[in-house]
Amino acid sequence: MKDLNKIFSQGILVDLNIRYWTGQYKLNQYDLGFSGEVPEELITLGRKNLIPKDIRALPRKIESKAWYRVEQVSFPFPIGSAKFVPEPAIPELIEFLTACQNEYRDITNYIVGHYLSIRRATLNQFRKKMPEIYKVTVGNNGGNYKEFTEKFMNAVEQLYPDKSTIRSRYSFEWSFFEVSLPNYRKRSDRFLAKRAEENERLTREYRNRAKKEINEFLHEVVGSLRAQTVDVCSFVVNKIKRGEVISERNINNLRKFIERFETLNFVGDTAIHQQLTDLRNNYLHDIKYKNNQTATKQLQKKLSEVMDAAKDLTDVSSVTGQWKRRIRI
C-alpha cells in the first residue's frame, strides 16, 4: 500500500470535545468521620453534589446525544482513536452537531445566568442537613457543633468556582481531521544522524503496522454493516415467525436502515447493497402486510435471503480488495 492516507478520499475522522463542570467533588475521610486515611480496600468514598442532579444532567444529555449520533454514522478508526465518518454522512452530521452546539450554548447560558441562585440554594440544603451530617460525621465523639458547621460549610463553599470563571468550564466543539503516516527523512544533524538507521527501522515498522490495522479496519467496516443488516432483518423475520403483524413502523425502519447502509457503505459492498436495493424496491413500497399472509411469506423469504448473504463473510477480502484497487492504495 503506497499511500494509506488515500483512505481519506472516502471520509474523514471526527472527534468531539465537550467540557462541563461536573458539580461534584470526592468526599474526604473527615466528611465520613475518619480521623486518618480511609481503608480503600474496604470503603469507596462518595461525592459531594454541589448542584442539583437535574442541572448536572443537562450537558451530559447533550453529550450523550452527540456521541450517539457520531457512533451511528461512523466506524472506530485504528489510528488516533477517533471515528471515521464516510463522506456522504458528513453534511448531516455537521447539521446535527451544530444543533447540539446551539442547544448546549443555551444550557450554558442558563447555568451561568442562574449560577449564584443555584449555589445559594444548594448551600442552604447543606445547612438544613447539617444536623444529620454532624451526627454521621462526629457521632458520639463530641465536638462543637457550631465550629464543625462553620468549618464544613467553608470547605464546601471553597469548592465552587467563581462566577467569572464558570462559563469557561463549558464548551462544545468538534473537529474533523486526517492523520498522516510518518515518512523517514534523512537528516544531516550530527545528533540525529546517529539515530538514522533506528529511525528508519521504526518508521518502516510503524507503516507496516498501520497497513495491517487499515486492512483490519476495512474488514471490520464490512463486517459491522453486515452484522447490522442481519440484526435488522432478523427482527422482522422473528416477528413473522411469532405470527405478529408487520406494521408500517417495521417497514419504515427497514427503509431507514437501507438509507443508512448506503450512506456508510464507503467500501462498496455491492452484494449486500444489491440485496437491500431489491428488498426496498420490491417489498417495501405499496404493500400492506396486515391480513396478507402471501405477501408476508414473500417478505420473510426475501429477508432470509438478505440475512444469508450478510452472514456469508467469505467474500469480505474480495470486497476490501476491490475498494483498495479502486482508490489505488
Protein backbone atom coordinates (compact mmCIF):
# COMPACT_ATOMS: atom_id res chain seq x y z
CA MET A 1 0.00 0.00 0.00
CA LYS A 2 1.85 3.01 -1.24
CA ASP A 3 -0.35 5.67 0.24
CA LEU A 4 -2.51 4.70 3.19
CA ASN A 5 -3.68 8.28 3.51
CA LYS A 6 -5.88 7.86 0.43
CA ILE A 7 -8.49 6.34 2.69
CA PHE A 8 -9.39 9.93 3.49
CA SER A 9 -10.70 10.38 -0.03
CA GLN A 10 -13.66 8.35 1.26
CA GLY A 11 -14.24 10.06 4.59
CA ILE A 12 -12.69 11.87 7.50
CA LEU A 13 -12.03 11.48 11.21
CA VAL A 14 -14.17 13.25 13.77
CA ASP A 15 -13.60 13.94 17.45
CA LEU A 16 -15.83 15.67 19.98
CA ASN A 17 -14.51 17.86 22.77
CA ILE A 18 -17.31 18.52 25.24
CA ARG A 19 -16.44 20.00 28.62
CA TYR A 20 -18.59 20.92 31.60
CA TRP A 21 -18.35 21.43 35.32
CA THR A 22 -19.44 18.19 36.96
CA GLY A 23 -20.60 19.96 40.12
CA GLN A 24 -19.26 17.06 42.18
CA TYR A 25 -16.26 16.60 44.45
CA LYS A 26 -15.00 13.49 46.14
CA LEU A 27 -15.69 13.19 49.83
CA ASN A 28 -12.64 13.14 52.07
CA GLN A 29 -12.05 10.98 55.10
CA TYR A 30 -13.11 13.71 57.51
CA ASP A 31 -16.51 14.01 55.80
CA LEU A 32 -17.21 10.45 56.90
CA GLY A 33 -15.79 10.78 60.40
CA PHE A 34 -12.43 9.13 59.76
CA SER A 35 -9.54 10.80 61.57
CA GLY A 36 -6.98 9.08 59.35
CA GLU A 37 -6.78 7.52 55.92
CA VAL A 38 -9.80 5.58 54.68
CA PRO A 39 -9.11 1.87 54.05
CA GLU A 40 -9.78 1.92 50.29
CA GLU A 41 -9.82 -1.86 50.10
CA LEU A 42 -12.95 -1.72 52.26
CA ILE A 43 -14.60 1.63 51.60
CA THR A 44 -15.02 3.74 48.47
CA LEU A 45 -15.70 7.38 49.16
CA GLY A 46 -18.71 9.01 47.55
CA ARG A 47 -19.12 12.57 46.29
CA LYS A 48 -20.46 15.92 47.35
CA ASN A 49 -23.10 17.23 44.93
CA LEU A 50 -22.72 21.00 44.56
CA ILE A 51 -25.51 21.49 42.02
CA PRO A 52 -28.82 19.61 41.67
CA LYS A 53 -28.93 16.33 39.79
CA ASP A 54 -31.27 17.63 37.05
CA ILE A 55 -28.93 20.52 36.26
CA ARG A 56 -25.85 18.27 36.26
CA ALA A 57 -27.66 16.06 33.77
CA LEU A 58 -28.34 18.80 31.20
CA PRO A 59 -24.91 18.95 29.50
CA ARG A 60 -24.44 15.20 29.88
CA LYS A 61 -27.64 14.52 27.95
CA ILE A 62 -26.44 16.61 25.02
CA GLU A 63 -23.01 14.99 25.20
CA SER A 64 -24.61 11.54 25.08
CA LYS A 65 -26.89 12.56 22.22
CA ALA A 66 -23.99 13.95 20.18
CA TRP A 67 -21.76 10.91 20.72
CA TYR A 68 -24.65 8.56 19.94
CA ARG A 69 -25.16 10.23 16.57
CA VAL A 70 -21.43 10.09 15.84
CA GLU A 71 -21.46 6.38 16.69
CA GLN A 72 -24.40 5.85 14.33
CA VAL A 73 -22.59 7.29 11.29
CA SER A 74 -19.00 6.26 11.93
CA PHE A 75 -16.60 3.40 12.45
CA PRO A 76 -13.85 3.17 15.11
CA PHE A 77 -10.58 4.09 13.41
CA PRO A 78 -7.48 2.14 14.43
CA ILE A 79 -5.08 5.09 14.30
CA GLY A 80 -5.66 8.07 16.58
CA SER A 81 -8.60 6.51 18.48
CA ALA A 82 -11.04 8.67 16.53
CA LYS A 83 -14.15 7.90 14.50
CA PHE A 84 -14.11 7.54 10.71
CA VAL A 85 -17.15 9.16 9.09
CA PRO A 86 -17.86 8.27 5.42
CA GLU A 87 -18.15 11.33 3.20
CA PRO A 88 -21.92 11.03 2.47
CA ALA A 89 -22.67 11.17 6.21
CA ILE A 90 -20.67 14.34 6.91
CA PRO A 91 -23.22 17.07 5.93
CA GLU A 92 -26.00 15.59 8.08
CA LEU A 93 -23.58 15.08 10.96
CA ILE A 94 -22.43 18.70 10.81
CA GLU A 95 -26.06 19.86 10.84
CA PHE A 96 -26.84 17.66 13.84
CA LEU A 97 -23.74 18.70 15.81
CA THR A 98 -24.47 22.35 15.08
CA ALA A 99 -27.95 21.92 16.55
CA CYS A 100 -26.42 20.21 19.61
CA GLN A 101 -23.89 23.01 19.94
CA ASN A 102 -26.66 25.62 19.90
CA GLU A 103 -28.64 23.66 22.49
CA TYR A 104 -25.51 23.34 24.60
CA ARG A 105 -24.95 27.09 24.40
CA ASP A 106 -28.50 27.70 25.67
CA ILE A 107 -27.91 25.34 28.59
CA THR A 108 -24.61 27.03 29.39
CA ASN A 109 -26.31 30.43 29.38
CA TYR A 110 -28.99 29.09 31.71
CA ILE A 111 -26.50 27.59 34.18
CA VAL A 112 -24.27 30.69 34.15
CA GLY A 113 -27.27 33.01 34.47
CA HIS A 114 -28.65 31.12 37.45
CA TYR A 115 -25.33 30.07 38.93
CA LEU A 116 -25.46 32.23 42.05
CA SER A 117 -29.02 31.23 42.88
CA ILE A 118 -28.20 27.54 42.26
CA ARG A 119 -25.17 27.87 44.51
CA ARG A 120 -27.14 29.63 47.22
CA ALA A 121 -29.98 27.08 47.13
CA THR A 122 -27.59 24.13 47.35
CA LEU A 123 -25.65 25.65 50.24
CA ASN A 124 -28.96 26.17 52.05
CA GLN A 125 -29.71 22.47 51.55
CA PHE A 126 -26.37 21.61 53.11
CA ARG A 127 -27.20 23.83 56.10
CA LYS A 128 -30.61 22.18 56.54
CA LYS A 129 -28.98 18.76 56.54
CA MET A 130 -26.17 19.80 58.84
CA PRO A 131 -27.59 18.07 61.96
CA GLU A 132 -27.63 14.77 60.06
CA ILE A 133 -24.18 15.39 58.58
CA TYR A 134 -22.85 16.25 62.03
CA LYS A 135 -24.38 13.14 63.55
CA VAL A 136 -22.96 10.84 60.87
CA THR A 137 -19.54 12.50 60.88
CA VAL A 138 -18.95 13.26 64.56
CA GLY A 139 -21.37 10.79 66.12
CA ASN A 140 -20.85 10.34 69.84
CA ASN A 141 -17.28 11.57 69.77
CA GLY A 142 -18.28 15.01 70.92
CA GLY A 143 -17.16 18.22 69.28
CA ASN A 144 -18.51 21.72 68.92
CA TYR A 145 -21.50 21.71 66.52
CA LYS A 146 -21.18 25.38 65.60
CA GLU A 147 -17.46 25.08 64.95
CA PHE A 148 -17.99 21.92 62.90
CA THR A 149 -20.74 23.55 60.82
CA GLU A 150 -18.69 26.63 60.10
CA LYS A 151 -15.66 24.59 59.08
CA PHE A 152 -17.73 22.22 56.94
CA MET A 153 -19.64 24.97 55.14
CA ASN A 154 -16.48 26.99 54.49
CA ALA A 155 -14.89 23.92 52.92
CA VAL A 156 -17.93 23.34 50.69
CA GLU A 157 -18.09 26.98 49.61
CA GLN A 158 -14.45 26.86 48.57
CA LEU A 159 -15.29 24.11 46.07
CA TYR A 160 -17.46 26.40 43.95
CA PRO A 161 -15.74 28.18 41.04
CA ASP A 162 -16.08 31.93 40.80
CA LYS A 163 -18.97 33.17 38.69
CA SER A 164 -16.45 34.90 36.43
CA THR A 165 -14.87 31.55 35.51
CA ILE A 166 -17.85 29.17 35.47
CA ARG A 167 -18.61 29.82 31.79
CA SER A 168 -15.11 28.69 30.81
CA ARG A 169 -15.90 25.26 32.28
CA TYR A 170 -18.41 24.63 29.48
CA SER A 171 -17.62 24.10 25.81
CA PHE A 172 -18.96 22.05 22.92
CA GLU A 173 -16.58 21.69 20.00
CA TRP A 174 -15.83 19.13 17.34
CA SER A 175 -13.09 18.71 14.80
CA PHE A 176 -12.69 16.90 11.52
CA PHE A 177 -9.17 15.82 10.72
CA GLU A 178 -6.92 13.37 8.93
CA VAL A 179 -3.83 11.55 10.13
CA SER A 180 -0.66 11.06 8.13
CA LEU A 181 1.83 8.26 8.36
CA PRO A 182 5.43 9.23 9.10
CA ASN A 183 7.91 9.48 6.26
CA TYR A 184 11.52 8.92 7.18
CA ARG A 185 13.74 11.77 6.04
CA LYS A 186 17.48 11.66 6.27
CA ARG A 187 18.92 14.44 8.35
CA SER A 188 22.37 15.94 8.33
CA ASP A 189 22.22 16.91 12.02
CA ARG A 190 25.13 15.26 13.70
CA PHE A 191 22.98 14.14 16.64
CA LEU A 192 20.05 12.82 14.61
CA ALA A 193 22.35 11.17 12.10
CA LYS A 194 23.46 8.75 14.79
CA ARG A 195 19.89 7.52 15.00
CA ALA A 196 19.23 7.47 11.29
CA GLU A 197 19.18 3.72 10.95
CA GLU A 198 17.00 3.27 14.05
CA ASN A 199 14.57 5.99 12.90
CA GLU A 200 14.25 4.36 9.51
CA ARG A 201 13.54 0.98 11.10
CA LEU A 202 10.89 2.42 13.43
CA THR A 203 9.22 4.28 10.58
CA ARG A 204 9.11 1.11 8.48
CA GLU A 205 7.64 -0.89 11.37
CA TYR A 206 5.01 1.77 12.02
CA ARG A 207 3.92 1.87 8.40
CA ASN A 208 3.72 -1.92 8.26
CA ARG A 209 1.64 -1.97 11.44
CA ALA A 210 -0.60 0.80 10.08
CA LYS A 211 -1.07 -1.15 6.85
CA LYS A 212 -2.24 -4.15 8.85
CA GLU A 213 -4.55 -2.03 11.00
CA ILE A 214 -6.11 -0.32 7.99
CA ASN A 215 -6.77 -3.70 6.39
CA GLU A 216 -8.41 -4.89 9.60
CA PHE A 217 -10.40 -1.66 9.77
CA LEU A 218 -11.82 -2.21 6.28
CA HIS A 219 -12.77 -5.77 7.18
CA GLU A 220 -14.46 -4.54 10.35
CA VAL A 221 -16.45 -1.93 8.39
CA VAL A 222 -17.86 -4.57 6.05
CA GLY A 223 -18.45 -6.99 8.91
CA SER A 224 -20.14 -4.36 11.05
CA LEU A 225 -22.57 -3.30 8.31
CA ARG A 226 -23.40 -6.91 7.53
CA ALA A 227 -23.99 -7.70 11.21
CA GLN A 228 -26.34 -4.72 11.44
CA THR A 229 -28.12 -5.98 8.33
CA VAL A 230 -28.68 -9.36 9.96
CA ASP A 231 -29.97 -7.74 13.16
CA VAL A 232 -32.47 -5.50 11.38
CA CYS A 233 -33.79 -8.24 9.11
CA SER A 234 -33.93 -10.92 11.82
CA PHE A 235 -36.09 -8.67 13.99
CA VAL A 236 -38.81 -8.63 11.33
CA VAL A 237 -38.37 -12.30 10.46
CA ASN A 238 -38.82 -13.27 14.10
CA LYS A 239 -42.00 -11.20 14.29
CA ILE A 240 -43.37 -13.07 11.30
CA LYS A 241 -42.45 -16.42 12.85
CA ARG A 242 -44.31 -15.46 16.03
CA GLY A 243 -47.38 -14.65 13.96
CA GLU A 244 -47.26 -10.93 14.73
CA VAL A 245 -48.46 -8.26 12.33
CA ILE A 246 -45.79 -6.41 10.33
CA SER A 247 -46.57 -2.76 10.92
CA GLU A 248 -45.79 0.28 8.83
CA ARG A 249 -43.29 1.23 11.50
CA ASN A 250 -41.39 -2.01 10.88
CA ILE A 251 -41.34 -1.26 7.16
CA ASN A 252 -40.16 2.31 7.76
CA ASN A 253 -37.34 1.03 9.99
CA LEU A 254 -36.19 -1.25 7.18
CA ARG A 255 -36.25 1.67 4.73
CA LYS A 256 -34.28 3.86 7.14
CA PHE A 257 -31.68 1.17 7.66
CA ILE A 258 -31.20 0.74 3.91
CA GLU A 259 -30.65 4.50 3.59
CA ARG A 260 -28.13 4.34 6.43
CA PHE A 261 -26.36 1.37 4.85
CA GLU A 262 -25.99 3.31 1.60
CA THR A 263 -24.56 6.28 3.49
CA LEU A 264 -21.99 4.23 5.40
CA ASN A 265 -21.09 1.72 2.68
CA PHE A 266 -17.99 3.61 1.52
CA VAL A 267 -16.08 0.36 0.99
CA GLY A 268 -18.58 -0.64 -1.69
CA ASP A 269 -20.20 -3.89 -0.54
CA THR A 270 -22.18 -4.34 -3.75
CA ALA A 271 -23.52 -7.80 -2.88
CA ILE A 272 -25.44 -6.60 0.17
CA HIS A 273 -26.25 -3.28 -1.46
CA GLN A 274 -27.99 -5.08 -4.32
CA GLN A 275 -29.88 -7.33 -1.93
CA LEU A 276 -31.10 -4.34 0.09
CA THR A 277 -31.99 -2.38 -3.03
CA ASP A 278 -34.13 -5.28 -4.26
CA LEU A 279 -35.75 -5.50 -0.82
CA ARG A 280 -36.63 -1.81 -0.84
CA ASN A 281 -37.84 -1.63 -4.44
CA ASN A 282 -39.97 -4.77 -4.47
CA TYR A 283 -41.09 -5.38 -0.89
CA LEU A 284 -41.21 -2.07 0.99
CA HIS A 285 -43.48 0.01 -1.24
CA ASP A 286 -47.27 -0.06 -1.63
CA ILE A 287 -47.67 -3.43 0.06
CA LYS A 288 -49.91 -3.89 3.10
CA TYR A 289 -48.85 -6.91 5.11
CA LYS A 290 -51.72 -6.93 7.58
CA ASN A 291 -54.03 -9.89 6.83
CA ASN A 292 -51.91 -10.70 3.78
CA GLN A 293 -50.19 -13.99 4.51
CA THR A 294 -48.91 -14.43 0.94
CA ALA A 295 -47.11 -11.08 0.92
CA THR A 296 -45.83 -11.67 4.46
CA LYS A 297 -44.33 -15.03 3.50
CA GLN A 298 -42.66 -13.44 0.45
CA LEU A 299 -41.21 -10.71 2.67
CA GLN A 300 -39.94 -13.33 5.10
CA LYS A 301 -38.27 -15.23 2.27
CA LYS A 302 -36.59 -12.10 0.94
CA LEU A 303 -35.39 -11.03 4.38
CA SER A 304 -33.96 -14.51 4.89
CA GLU A 305 -32.08 -14.22 1.59
CA VAL A 306 -30.62 -10.89 2.70
CA MET A 307 -29.62 -12.37 6.06
CA ASP A 308 -27.96 -15.39 4.44
CA ALA A 309 -25.96 -13.11 2.14
CA ALA A 310 -24.93 -10.88 5.06
CA LYS A 311 -23.89 -13.82 7.22
CA ASP A 312 -21.57 -15.11 4.50
CA LEU A 313 -18.23 -13.39 5.17
CA THR A 314 -16.15 -15.42 2.72
CA ASP A 315 -16.11 -12.57 0.19
CA VAL A 316 -15.08 -9.77 2.57
CA SER A 317 -11.46 -9.82 1.41
CA SER A 318 -12.66 -9.50 -2.16
CA VAL A 319 -14.82 -6.50 -1.24
CA THR A 320 -11.99 -4.69 0.53
CA GLY A 321 -9.54 -5.64 -2.22
CA GLN A 322 -11.76 -4.08 -4.87
CA TRP A 323 -12.01 -0.91 -2.80
CA LYS A 324 -8.23 -0.67 -2.41
CA ARG A 325 -7.71 -1.17 -6.13
CA ARG A 326 -10.36 1.40 -6.94
CA ILE A 327 -8.64 4.18 -4.99
CA ARG A 328 -5.18 2.80 -5.84
CA ILE A 329 -3.90 2.08 -2.39
